[in-house]
Amino acid sequence: MDRFAHDFAGAKATLRTIDHTVGLPEDEVANGAFLVKRSGGRSQFLIAFAEPNARTVRVGEQLAEVYLPKIDEIDEYNIRNYKDIVQKLFLLGFGMPGKELAANYDVRNVKHEMLGSQSATYLELIPKSPDVRGKLKSVELWISNANQCPLRQVFHMPDGGFRTAEFSAVQLNPKFAGDAFDLPKGAKRVRVN
């Protein structure tokens, strides 16, 4: 992981998420595109989910924004106090050096597995921070042995719920268009917190 982390500047992938909430009869499934860019020690993420619940989520250094196209609105969230947690979860496996992973998580059950037709390294991660552990019980992570990026992440919540993120068609260090991380300029902005 450390060898790949040094050269990591960004990634582009197809994303499928599955949210399981305890007590609800059906899981929520969403499909979309995932972009991440790292430059000068800063990271930026964009997830564009497709219909039926279309939305685009952009996370920067101090602000998370959710664009809701059906009402042409951008909800803004100040994440200044949670920046490290948010960034570490989004970056989990994307260009993160092994020493950083070990600094933030107890790493358990490391083994090699096949995930579909791809060779992967499986890790179980337990957050070291009590603040994070209060919101996140553990993470299962499958890292592709070919490109050292996540194939699957499963975030287990303390209440028994979980969120799965599956990545495919991963492109490392792509050339992003200048407006790749832009949200619509004319949308109404609402400060949520």
N, C-alpha and C. Protein backbone atom coordinates (compact mmCIF):
# COMPACT_ATOMS: atom_id res chain seq x y z
N MET A 1 0.82 -1.20 0.00
CA MET A 1 0.00 0.00 0.00
C MET A 1 0.86 1.26 0.00
N ASP A 2 1.96 1.22 0.77
CA ASP A 2 2.79 2.42 0.88
C ASP A 2 3.39 2.83 -0.46
N ARG A 3 3.79 1.83 -1.26
CA ARG A 3 4.39 2.12 -2.56
C ARG A 3 3.39 2.84 -3.47
N PHE A 4 2.13 2.41 -3.47
CA PHE A 4 1.11 3.02 -4.31
C PHE A 4 0.64 4.36 -3.75
N ALA A 5 0.64 4.51 -2.43
CA ALA A 5 0.16 5.74 -1.80
C ALA A 5 1.00 6.94 -2.22
N HIS A 6 2.28 6.75 -2.37
CA HIS A 6 3.18 7.85 -2.73
C HIS A 6 2.81 8.48 -4.07
N ASP A 7 2.37 7.67 -5.04
CA ASP A 7 2.05 8.16 -6.38
C ASP A 7 0.57 8.48 -6.57
N PHE A 8 -0.24 8.29 -5.54
CA PHE A 8 -1.68 8.47 -5.69
C PHE A 8 -2.05 9.95 -5.76
N ALA A 9 -2.69 10.36 -6.87
CA ALA A 9 -3.17 11.74 -7.02
C ALA A 9 -4.68 11.79 -7.17
N GLY A 10 -5.30 10.64 -7.44
CA GLY A 10 -6.74 10.62 -7.59
C GLY A 10 -7.23 9.33 -8.19
N ALA A 11 -8.54 9.19 -8.22
CA ALA A 11 -9.16 8.00 -8.80
C ALA A 11 -10.56 8.34 -9.26
N LYS A 12 -11.03 7.54 -10.17
CA LYS A 12 -12.38 7.64 -10.69
C LYS A 12 -12.92 6.22 -10.73
N ALA A 13 -14.17 6.02 -10.30
CA ALA A 13 -14.72 4.67 -10.25
C ALA A 13 -16.23 4.71 -10.36
N THR A 14 -16.79 3.56 -10.68
CA THR A 14 -18.22 3.34 -10.59
C THR A 14 -18.49 2.85 -9.17
N LEU A 15 -19.55 3.36 -8.56
CA LEU A 15 -19.84 3.06 -7.16
C LEU A 15 -21.26 2.51 -7.02
N ARG A 16 -21.37 1.48 -6.16
CA ARG A 16 -22.68 0.95 -5.79
C ARG A 16 -22.70 0.89 -4.27
N THR A 17 -23.69 1.51 -3.65
CA THR A 17 -23.81 1.47 -2.18
C THR A 17 -25.07 0.74 -1.78
N ILE A 18 -24.97 0.07 -0.64
CA ILE A 18 -26.12 -0.62 -0.05
C ILE A 18 -26.17 -0.19 1.41
N ASP A 19 -27.27 0.44 1.80
CA ASP A 19 -27.46 0.87 3.18
C ASP A 19 -28.49 -0.03 3.84
N HIS A 20 -28.07 -0.69 4.93
CA HIS A 20 -28.97 -1.54 5.70
C HIS A 20 -29.24 -0.86 7.03
N THR A 21 -30.49 -0.50 7.26
CA THR A 21 -30.90 0.13 8.51
C THR A 21 -31.69 -0.88 9.32
N VAL A 22 -31.28 -1.08 10.55
CA VAL A 22 -31.96 -2.02 11.43
C VAL A 22 -33.42 -1.62 11.58
N GLY A 23 -34.32 -2.57 11.41
CA GLY A 23 -35.75 -2.32 11.57
C GLY A 23 -36.48 -1.99 10.28
N LEU A 24 -35.74 -1.71 9.20
CA LEU A 24 -36.39 -1.45 7.92
C LEU A 24 -36.36 -2.73 7.08
N PRO A 25 -37.46 -3.02 6.38
CA PRO A 25 -37.54 -4.29 5.66
C PRO A 25 -36.66 -4.38 4.41
N GLU A 26 -36.31 -3.25 3.81
CA GLU A 26 -35.52 -3.28 2.58
C GLU A 26 -34.29 -2.40 2.70
N ASP A 27 -33.23 -2.84 2.04
CA ASP A 27 -32.01 -2.04 1.98
C ASP A 27 -32.17 -0.96 0.92
N GLU A 28 -31.46 0.16 1.10
CA GLU A 28 -31.45 1.22 0.09
C GLU A 28 -30.21 1.02 -0.78
N VAL A 29 -30.42 0.90 -2.08
CA VAL A 29 -29.33 0.68 -3.03
C VAL A 29 -29.20 1.92 -3.91
N ALA A 30 -27.97 2.37 -4.12
CA ALA A 30 -27.72 3.53 -4.98
C ALA A 30 -26.52 3.25 -5.86
N ASN A 31 -26.58 3.75 -7.08
CA ASN A 31 -25.49 3.60 -8.04
C ASN A 31 -25.04 4.97 -8.50
N GLY A 32 -23.74 5.08 -8.78
CA GLY A 32 -23.24 6.37 -9.23
C GLY A 32 -21.78 6.34 -9.60
N ALA A 33 -21.20 7.53 -9.61
CA ALA A 33 -19.79 7.70 -9.95
C ALA A 33 -19.07 8.30 -8.74
N PHE A 34 -17.82 7.90 -8.55
CA PHE A 34 -17.00 8.34 -7.43
C PHE A 34 -15.73 8.95 -7.98
N LEU A 35 -15.40 10.18 -7.53
CA LEU A 35 -14.16 10.85 -7.91
C LEU A 35 -13.43 11.28 -6.64
N VAL A 36 -12.13 11.11 -6.62
CA VAL A 36 -11.32 11.60 -5.51
C VAL A 36 -10.05 12.20 -6.10
N LYS A 37 -9.66 13.35 -5.53
CA LYS A 37 -8.45 14.02 -5.99
C LYS A 37 -7.66 14.48 -4.76
N ARG A 38 -6.35 14.21 -4.78
CA ARG A 38 -5.46 14.66 -3.71
C ARG A 38 -4.37 15.50 -4.33
N SER A 39 -4.16 16.66 -3.73
CA SER A 39 -3.13 17.57 -4.25
C SER A 39 -2.67 18.47 -3.11
N GLY A 40 -1.38 18.58 -2.94
CA GLY A 40 -0.83 19.48 -1.93
C GLY A 40 -1.32 19.18 -0.53
N GLY A 41 -1.52 17.91 -0.21
CA GLY A 41 -1.99 17.53 1.12
C GLY A 41 -3.47 17.71 1.33
N ARG A 42 -4.18 18.14 0.31
CA ARG A 42 -5.64 18.33 0.41
C ARG A 42 -6.35 17.29 -0.42
N SER A 43 -7.54 16.94 0.03
CA SER A 43 -8.35 15.94 -0.67
C SER A 43 -9.72 16.51 -0.98
N GLN A 44 -10.29 16.01 -2.04
CA GLN A 44 -11.62 16.44 -2.48
C GLN A 44 -12.32 15.21 -3.06
N PHE A 45 -13.61 15.06 -2.75
CA PHE A 45 -14.38 13.90 -3.20
C PHE A 45 -15.67 14.37 -3.83
N LEU A 46 -16.13 13.60 -4.79
CA LEU A 46 -17.44 13.86 -5.38
C LEU A 46 -18.07 12.51 -5.68
N ILE A 47 -19.31 12.35 -5.23
CA ILE A 47 -20.08 11.16 -5.53
C ILE A 47 -21.37 11.62 -6.18
N ALA A 48 -21.61 11.17 -7.41
CA ALA A 48 -22.82 11.54 -8.14
C ALA A 48 -23.71 10.31 -8.24
N PHE A 49 -24.77 10.28 -7.42
CA PHE A 49 -25.71 9.16 -7.43
C PHE A 49 -26.76 9.37 -8.51
N ALA A 50 -27.13 8.29 -9.18
CA ALA A 50 -28.13 8.32 -10.26
C ALA A 50 -29.53 8.16 -9.68
N GLU A 51 -30.52 8.24 -10.56
CA GLU A 51 -31.93 8.03 -10.17
C GLU A 51 -32.09 6.65 -9.55
N PRO A 52 -33.09 6.43 -8.72
CA PRO A 52 -34.26 7.27 -8.50
C PRO A 52 -34.03 8.38 -7.47
N ASN A 53 -33.01 8.27 -6.65
CA ASN A 53 -32.75 9.29 -5.63
C ASN A 53 -31.48 10.06 -6.01
N ALA A 54 -31.53 10.74 -7.15
CA ALA A 54 -30.36 11.44 -7.68
C ALA A 54 -29.91 12.54 -6.72
N ARG A 55 -28.59 12.57 -6.51
CA ARG A 55 -27.98 13.62 -5.69
C ARG A 55 -26.48 13.56 -5.94
N THR A 56 -25.82 14.66 -5.71
CA THR A 56 -24.37 14.72 -5.84
C THR A 56 -23.81 15.23 -4.53
N VAL A 57 -22.83 14.52 -4.01
CA VAL A 57 -22.20 14.87 -2.74
C VAL A 57 -20.76 15.27 -3.03
N ARG A 58 -20.40 16.47 -2.59
CA ARG A 58 -19.02 16.93 -2.73
C ARG A 58 -18.48 17.24 -1.34
N VAL A 59 -17.30 16.70 -1.04
CA VAL A 59 -16.68 16.91 0.27
C VAL A 59 -15.31 17.53 0.04
N GLY A 60 -15.11 18.68 0.67
CA GLY A 60 -13.83 19.37 0.61
C GLY A 60 -13.20 19.41 1.98
N GLU A 61 -12.36 20.38 2.20
CA GLU A 61 -11.62 20.48 3.46
C GLU A 61 -12.52 20.86 4.64
N GLN A 62 -13.46 21.79 4.44
CA GLN A 62 -14.28 22.25 5.55
C GLN A 62 -15.77 22.22 5.27
N LEU A 63 -16.14 21.82 4.06
CA LEU A 63 -17.53 21.88 3.66
C LEU A 63 -17.95 20.62 2.92
N ALA A 64 -19.09 20.08 3.31
CA ALA A 64 -19.73 19.00 2.56
C ALA A 64 -20.98 19.60 1.93
N GLU A 65 -21.19 19.33 0.65
CA GLU A 65 -22.34 19.89 -0.06
C GLU A 65 -23.10 18.76 -0.72
N VAL A 66 -24.43 18.82 -0.63
CA VAL A 66 -25.29 17.83 -1.26
C VAL A 66 -26.20 18.56 -2.24
N TYR A 67 -26.01 18.28 -3.52
CA TYR A 67 -26.85 18.89 -4.55
C TYR A 67 -28.03 17.99 -4.83
N LEU A 68 -29.22 18.54 -4.73
CA LEU A 68 -30.47 17.82 -4.96
C LEU A 68 -31.08 18.36 -6.26
N PRO A 69 -30.89 17.68 -7.39
CA PRO A 69 -31.31 18.24 -8.67
C PRO A 69 -32.82 18.41 -8.83
N LYS A 70 -33.62 17.58 -8.16
CA LYS A 70 -35.07 17.69 -8.31
C LYS A 70 -35.61 19.01 -7.79
N ILE A 71 -34.91 19.61 -6.81
CA ILE A 71 -35.34 20.90 -6.28
C ILE A 71 -34.29 21.98 -6.53
N ASP A 72 -33.25 21.64 -7.29
CA ASP A 72 -32.17 22.55 -7.65
C ASP A 72 -31.63 23.29 -6.43
N GLU A 73 -31.22 22.49 -5.42
CA GLU A 73 -30.75 23.05 -4.15
C GLU A 73 -29.47 22.36 -3.74
N ILE A 74 -28.59 23.14 -3.12
CA ILE A 74 -27.36 22.61 -2.54
C ILE A 74 -27.42 22.83 -1.03
N ASP A 75 -27.44 21.73 -0.28
CA ASP A 75 -27.41 21.81 1.17
C ASP A 75 -25.95 21.80 1.61
N GLU A 76 -25.57 22.80 2.42
CA GLU A 76 -24.18 22.94 2.86
C GLU A 76 -24.04 22.52 4.32
N TYR A 77 -23.02 21.73 4.59
CA TYR A 77 -22.74 21.26 5.95
C TYR A 77 -21.31 21.65 6.32
N ASN A 78 -21.16 22.35 7.43
CA ASN A 78 -19.84 22.70 7.92
C ASN A 78 -19.27 21.44 8.60
N ILE A 79 -18.17 20.91 8.06
CA ILE A 79 -17.57 19.70 8.63
C ILE A 79 -16.23 19.99 9.29
N ARG A 80 -15.97 21.25 9.56
CA ARG A 80 -14.69 21.65 10.14
C ARG A 80 -14.32 20.79 11.35
N ASN A 81 -15.29 20.55 12.25
CA ASN A 81 -15.01 19.77 13.46
C ASN A 81 -14.90 18.27 13.20
N TYR A 82 -15.36 17.82 12.03
CA TYR A 82 -15.36 16.39 11.71
C TYR A 82 -14.49 16.08 10.51
N LYS A 83 -13.74 17.06 10.04
CA LYS A 83 -12.96 16.93 8.80
C LYS A 83 -12.09 15.68 8.79
N ASP A 84 -11.35 15.45 9.86
CA ASP A 84 -10.44 14.31 9.89
C ASP A 84 -11.20 12.99 9.77
N ILE A 85 -12.31 12.87 10.48
CA ILE A 85 -13.10 11.63 10.42
C ILE A 85 -13.67 11.44 9.02
N VAL A 86 -14.28 12.47 8.47
CA VAL A 86 -14.89 12.38 7.14
C VAL A 86 -13.84 12.04 6.10
N GLN A 87 -12.72 12.75 6.11
CA GLN A 87 -11.68 12.52 5.11
C GLN A 87 -11.11 11.11 5.24
N LYS A 88 -10.88 10.64 6.45
CA LYS A 88 -10.30 9.31 6.64
C LYS A 88 -11.26 8.22 6.16
N LEU A 89 -12.54 8.41 6.36
CA LEU A 89 -13.50 7.40 5.90
C LEU A 89 -13.61 7.40 4.38
N PHE A 90 -13.67 8.59 3.76
CA PHE A 90 -13.75 8.64 2.31
C PHE A 90 -12.47 8.14 1.65
N LEU A 91 -11.33 8.44 2.26
CA LEU A 91 -10.05 8.04 1.69
C LEU A 91 -9.67 6.61 2.00
N LEU A 92 -10.46 5.93 2.81
CA LEU A 92 -10.11 4.60 3.28
C LEU A 92 -9.79 3.68 2.10
N GLY A 93 -8.52 3.40 1.96
CA GLY A 93 -8.06 2.53 0.90
C GLY A 93 -7.64 3.24 -0.37
N PHE A 94 -7.98 4.52 -0.52
CA PHE A 94 -7.60 5.28 -1.72
C PHE A 94 -6.35 6.09 -1.42
N GLY A 95 -5.20 5.52 -1.72
CA GLY A 95 -3.93 6.22 -1.55
C GLY A 95 -3.51 6.41 -0.12
N MET A 96 -4.12 5.68 0.80
CA MET A 96 -3.78 5.81 2.22
C MET A 96 -2.60 4.90 2.53
N PRO A 97 -1.49 5.45 3.03
CA PRO A 97 -0.36 4.60 3.39
C PRO A 97 -0.72 3.64 4.51
N GLY A 98 -0.07 2.48 4.53
CA GLY A 98 -0.32 1.48 5.56
C GLY A 98 -0.06 2.01 6.95
N LYS A 99 0.96 2.87 7.11
CA LYS A 99 1.26 3.41 8.44
C LYS A 99 0.13 4.32 8.93
N GLU A 100 -0.52 5.05 8.02
CA GLU A 100 -1.66 5.89 8.41
C GLU A 100 -2.85 5.03 8.79
N LEU A 101 -3.05 3.96 8.05
CA LEU A 101 -4.12 3.01 8.36
C LEU A 101 -3.90 2.43 9.76
N ALA A 102 -2.68 2.00 10.04
CA ALA A 102 -2.35 1.41 11.34
C ALA A 102 -2.43 2.44 12.46
N ALA A 103 -2.20 3.72 12.16
CA ALA A 103 -2.28 4.76 13.19
C ALA A 103 -3.72 5.02 13.61
N ASN A 104 -4.67 4.81 12.70
CA ASN A 104 -6.08 5.12 12.97
C ASN A 104 -6.95 3.92 13.30
N TYR A 105 -6.47 2.71 12.96
CA TYR A 105 -7.27 1.50 13.14
C TYR A 105 -6.41 0.37 13.69
N ASP A 106 -7.04 -0.50 14.49
CA ASP A 106 -6.43 -1.79 14.81
C ASP A 106 -6.75 -2.68 13.62
N VAL A 107 -5.73 -3.21 13.00
CA VAL A 107 -5.89 -4.03 11.79
C VAL A 107 -5.91 -5.49 12.20
N ARG A 108 -6.97 -6.21 11.80
CA ARG A 108 -7.15 -7.62 12.16
C ARG A 108 -7.48 -8.46 10.93
N ASN A 109 -7.30 -9.75 11.07
CA ASN A 109 -7.74 -10.75 10.09
C ASN A 109 -7.26 -10.47 8.67
N VAL A 110 -6.01 -10.08 8.52
CA VAL A 110 -5.47 -9.81 7.18
C VAL A 110 -5.32 -11.14 6.46
N LYS A 111 -5.91 -11.22 5.26
CA LYS A 111 -5.80 -12.45 4.47
C LYS A 111 -6.04 -12.14 3.00
N HIS A 112 -5.61 -13.03 2.15
CA HIS A 112 -5.84 -12.88 0.71
C HIS A 112 -7.10 -13.64 0.34
N GLU A 113 -7.95 -13.00 -0.47
CA GLU A 113 -9.22 -13.59 -0.91
C GLU A 113 -9.46 -13.22 -2.36
N MET A 114 -10.34 -13.98 -2.98
CA MET A 114 -10.85 -13.62 -4.30
C MET A 114 -12.18 -12.91 -4.07
N LEU A 115 -12.35 -11.76 -4.67
CA LEU A 115 -13.61 -11.04 -4.62
C LEU A 115 -14.10 -11.01 -6.05
N GLY A 116 -15.05 -11.86 -6.35
CA GLY A 116 -15.43 -12.07 -7.75
C GLY A 116 -14.25 -12.71 -8.45
N SER A 117 -13.79 -12.10 -9.51
CA SER A 117 -12.65 -12.63 -10.27
C SER A 117 -11.34 -11.90 -9.92
N GLN A 118 -11.38 -11.04 -8.90
CA GLN A 118 -10.21 -10.23 -8.58
C GLN A 118 -9.53 -10.70 -7.28
N SER A 119 -8.23 -10.74 -7.32
CA SER A 119 -7.43 -11.06 -6.15
C SER A 119 -7.39 -9.82 -5.24
N ALA A 120 -7.64 -10.05 -3.96
CA ALA A 120 -7.73 -8.92 -3.03
C ALA A 120 -7.11 -9.28 -1.69
N THR A 121 -6.76 -8.24 -0.94
CA THR A 121 -6.33 -8.39 0.44
C THR A 121 -7.49 -7.91 1.31
N TYR A 122 -7.90 -8.76 2.24
CA TYR A 122 -9.00 -8.46 3.15
C TYR A 122 -8.42 -7.97 4.47
N LEU A 123 -9.01 -6.90 5.01
CA LEU A 123 -8.62 -6.35 6.30
C LEU A 123 -9.87 -6.07 7.12
N GLU A 124 -9.82 -6.33 8.40
CA GLU A 124 -10.86 -5.88 9.31
C GLU A 124 -10.25 -4.76 10.13
N LEU A 125 -10.93 -3.62 10.17
CA LEU A 125 -10.39 -2.43 10.84
C LEU A 125 -11.30 -2.03 12.00
N ILE A 126 -10.69 -1.81 13.16
CA ILE A 126 -11.41 -1.34 14.34
C ILE A 126 -10.88 0.06 14.65
N PRO A 127 -11.74 1.09 14.61
CA PRO A 127 -11.26 2.46 14.88
C PRO A 127 -10.62 2.57 16.27
N LYS A 128 -9.50 3.27 16.32
CA LYS A 128 -8.82 3.50 17.60
C LYS A 128 -9.45 4.65 18.36
N SER A 129 -9.95 5.65 17.66
CA SER A 129 -10.52 6.83 18.29
C SER A 129 -11.87 6.50 18.95
N PRO A 130 -12.04 6.82 20.24
CA PRO A 130 -13.33 6.60 20.90
C PRO A 130 -14.47 7.37 20.22
N ASP A 131 -14.18 8.58 19.71
CA ASP A 131 -15.21 9.35 19.00
C ASP A 131 -15.70 8.61 17.76
N VAL A 132 -14.77 8.07 17.00
CA VAL A 132 -15.14 7.34 15.79
C VAL A 132 -15.85 6.04 16.17
N ARG A 133 -15.34 5.32 17.19
CA ARG A 133 -15.95 4.05 17.61
C ARG A 133 -17.39 4.23 18.07
N GLY A 134 -17.73 5.41 18.56
CA GLY A 134 -19.11 5.68 18.97
C GLY A 134 -20.06 5.71 17.78
N LYS A 135 -19.53 5.93 16.59
CA LYS A 135 -20.35 6.02 15.38
C LYS A 135 -20.09 4.88 14.40
N LEU A 136 -18.95 4.21 14.56
CA LEU A 136 -18.53 3.19 13.61
C LEU A 136 -17.86 2.05 14.37
N LYS A 137 -18.51 0.88 14.36
CA LYS A 137 -18.01 -0.27 15.11
C LYS A 137 -16.77 -0.88 14.46
N SER A 138 -16.84 -1.09 13.15
CA SER A 138 -15.71 -1.69 12.43
C SER A 138 -15.89 -1.48 10.93
N VAL A 139 -14.82 -1.75 10.20
CA VAL A 139 -14.85 -1.66 8.74
C VAL A 139 -14.20 -2.92 8.18
N GLU A 140 -14.86 -3.51 7.19
CA GLU A 140 -14.24 -4.57 6.42
C GLU A 140 -13.79 -3.94 5.11
N LEU A 141 -12.57 -4.26 4.69
CA LEU A 141 -12.01 -3.61 3.51
C LEU A 141 -11.32 -4.65 2.64
N TRP A 142 -11.68 -4.66 1.35
CA TRP A 142 -11.04 -5.52 0.37
C TRP A 142 -10.26 -4.61 -0.58
N ILE A 143 -8.95 -4.74 -0.61
CA ILE A 143 -8.07 -3.92 -1.45
C ILE A 143 -7.61 -4.76 -2.63
N SER A 144 -7.79 -4.24 -3.84
CA SER A 144 -7.34 -4.93 -5.04
C SER A 144 -5.83 -5.11 -5.02
N ASN A 145 -5.38 -6.32 -5.29
CA ASN A 145 -3.94 -6.56 -5.37
C ASN A 145 -3.35 -5.97 -6.65
N ALA A 146 -4.20 -5.68 -7.64
CA ALA A 146 -3.73 -5.14 -8.91
C ALA A 146 -3.43 -3.64 -8.83
N ASN A 147 -4.34 -2.85 -8.21
CA ASN A 147 -4.14 -1.40 -8.20
C ASN A 147 -4.12 -0.78 -6.81
N GLN A 148 -4.24 -1.61 -5.77
CA GLN A 148 -4.19 -1.16 -4.38
C GLN A 148 -5.29 -0.17 -4.01
N CYS A 149 -6.43 -0.22 -4.71
CA CYS A 149 -7.60 0.59 -4.39
C CYS A 149 -8.71 -0.34 -3.89
N PRO A 150 -9.66 0.20 -3.14
CA PRO A 150 -10.73 -0.64 -2.61
C PRO A 150 -11.61 -1.25 -3.70
N LEU A 151 -11.97 -2.49 -3.48
CA LEU A 151 -13.01 -3.13 -4.28
C LEU A 151 -14.33 -3.07 -3.52
N ARG A 152 -14.23 -3.21 -2.18
CA ARG A 152 -15.43 -3.18 -1.33
C ARG A 152 -15.03 -2.65 0.04
N GLN A 153 -15.94 -1.86 0.62
CA GLN A 153 -15.83 -1.39 2.00
C GLN A 153 -17.18 -1.69 2.66
N VAL A 154 -17.15 -2.24 3.86
CA VAL A 154 -18.38 -2.45 4.62
C VAL A 154 -18.19 -1.77 5.97
N PHE A 155 -19.00 -0.74 6.22
CA PHE A 155 -18.95 0.04 7.46
C PHE A 155 -20.04 -0.50 8.39
N HIS A 156 -19.64 -1.06 9.53
CA HIS A 156 -20.58 -1.62 10.51
C HIS A 156 -20.85 -0.60 11.60
N MET A 157 -22.13 -0.28 11.81
CA MET A 157 -22.53 0.70 12.81
C MET A 157 -22.80 0.01 14.15
N PRO A 158 -22.69 0.74 15.25
CA PRO A 158 -22.93 0.14 16.57
C PRO A 158 -24.33 -0.45 16.75
N ASP A 159 -25.33 0.08 16.01
CA ASP A 159 -26.70 -0.42 16.17
C ASP A 159 -27.00 -1.66 15.33
N GLY A 160 -26.00 -2.17 14.59
CA GLY A 160 -26.21 -3.35 13.75
C GLY A 160 -26.45 -3.03 12.29
N GLY A 161 -26.66 -1.77 11.97
CA GLY A 161 -26.80 -1.38 10.56
C GLY A 161 -25.43 -1.40 9.89
N PHE A 162 -25.45 -1.34 8.57
CA PHE A 162 -24.18 -1.29 7.84
C PHE A 162 -24.35 -0.61 6.50
N ARG A 163 -23.23 -0.15 5.96
CA ARG A 163 -23.20 0.45 4.62
C ARG A 163 -22.09 -0.22 3.84
N THR A 164 -22.45 -0.72 2.67
CA THR A 164 -21.49 -1.35 1.78
C THR A 164 -21.24 -0.43 0.60
N ALA A 165 -19.99 -0.26 0.24
CA ALA A 165 -19.60 0.50 -0.96
C ALA A 165 -18.77 -0.44 -1.82
N GLU A 166 -19.22 -0.63 -3.07
CA GLU A 166 -18.51 -1.49 -4.01
C GLU A 166 -18.02 -0.64 -5.17
N PHE A 167 -16.72 -0.75 -5.48
CA PHE A 167 -16.09 0.04 -6.52
C PHE A 167 -15.71 -0.84 -7.70
N SER A 168 -15.97 -0.36 -8.90
CA SER A 168 -15.58 -1.08 -10.11
C SER A 168 -15.09 -0.07 -11.14
N ALA A 169 -14.47 -0.58 -12.19
CA ALA A 169 -13.94 0.26 -13.28
C ALA A 169 -13.07 1.40 -12.71
N VAL A 170 -12.21 1.07 -11.78
CA VAL A 170 -11.36 2.06 -11.13
C VAL A 170 -10.26 2.52 -12.09
N GLN A 171 -10.14 3.84 -12.21
CA GLN A 171 -9.06 4.46 -12.99
C GLN A 171 -8.19 5.25 -12.02
N LEU A 172 -6.91 4.93 -12.01
CA LEU A 172 -5.98 5.63 -11.13
C LEU A 172 -5.41 6.87 -11.81
N ASN A 173 -5.29 7.94 -11.05
CA ASN A 173 -4.68 9.19 -11.49
C ASN A 173 -5.19 9.67 -12.85
N PRO A 174 -6.53 9.73 -13.01
CA PRO A 174 -7.06 10.20 -14.29
C PRO A 174 -6.88 11.70 -14.44
N LYS A 175 -6.99 12.18 -15.64
CA LYS A 175 -7.00 13.62 -15.90
C LYS A 175 -8.45 14.09 -15.71
N PHE A 176 -8.67 14.93 -14.71
CA PHE A 176 -10.01 15.45 -14.45
C PHE A 176 -10.22 16.74 -15.23
N ALA A 177 -11.40 16.90 -15.80
CA ALA A 177 -11.77 18.17 -16.43
C ALA A 177 -11.76 19.24 -15.35
N GLY A 178 -11.53 20.47 -15.73
CA GLY A 178 -11.46 21.58 -14.78
C GLY A 178 -12.71 21.74 -13.94
N ASP A 179 -13.86 21.34 -14.47
CA ASP A 179 -15.12 21.49 -13.75
C ASP A 179 -15.64 20.17 -13.18
N ALA A 180 -14.81 19.14 -13.12
CA ALA A 180 -15.24 17.81 -12.69
C ALA A 180 -15.84 17.81 -11.29
N PHE A 181 -15.37 18.70 -10.42
CA PHE A 181 -15.85 18.73 -9.04
C PHE A 181 -16.81 19.88 -8.78
N ASP A 182 -17.24 20.57 -9.84
CA ASP A 182 -18.15 21.71 -9.69
C ASP A 182 -19.60 21.25 -9.53
N LEU A 183 -20.34 22.01 -8.75
CA LEU A 183 -21.79 21.84 -8.64
C LEU A 183 -22.44 22.99 -9.41
N PRO A 184 -23.72 22.85 -9.79
CA PRO A 184 -24.38 23.91 -10.56
C PRO A 184 -24.32 25.26 -9.86
N LYS A 185 -23.92 26.27 -10.59
CA LYS A 185 -23.72 27.61 -10.01
C LYS A 185 -25.04 28.31 -9.67
N GLY A 186 -26.11 28.03 -10.38
CA GLY A 186 -27.37 28.74 -10.15
C GLY A 186 -28.26 28.11 -9.11
N ALA A 187 -27.85 26.98 -8.51
CA ALA A 187 -28.71 26.30 -7.53
C ALA A 187 -28.82 27.12 -6.25
N LYS A 188 -29.98 27.02 -5.61
CA LYS A 188 -30.21 27.67 -4.32
C LYS A 188 -29.31 26.99 -3.28
N ARG A 189 -28.68 27.78 -2.42
CA ARG A 189 -27.81 27.23 -1.37
C ARG A 189 -28.49 27.39 -0.01
N VAL A 190 -28.45 26.31 0.78
CA VAL A 190 -29.07 26.31 2.11
C VAL A 190 -28.02 25.83 3.11
N ARG A 191 -27.73 26.67 4.11
CA ARG A 191 -26.78 26.31 5.16
C ARG A 191 -27.52 25.44 6.17
N VAL A 192 -27.10 24.20 6.35
CA VAL A 192 -27.80 23.27 7.22
C VAL A 192 -27.33 23.36 8.67
N ASN A 193 -26.04 23.59 8.88
CA ASN A 193 -25.55 23.69 10.25
C ASN A 193 -24.59 24.85 10.39
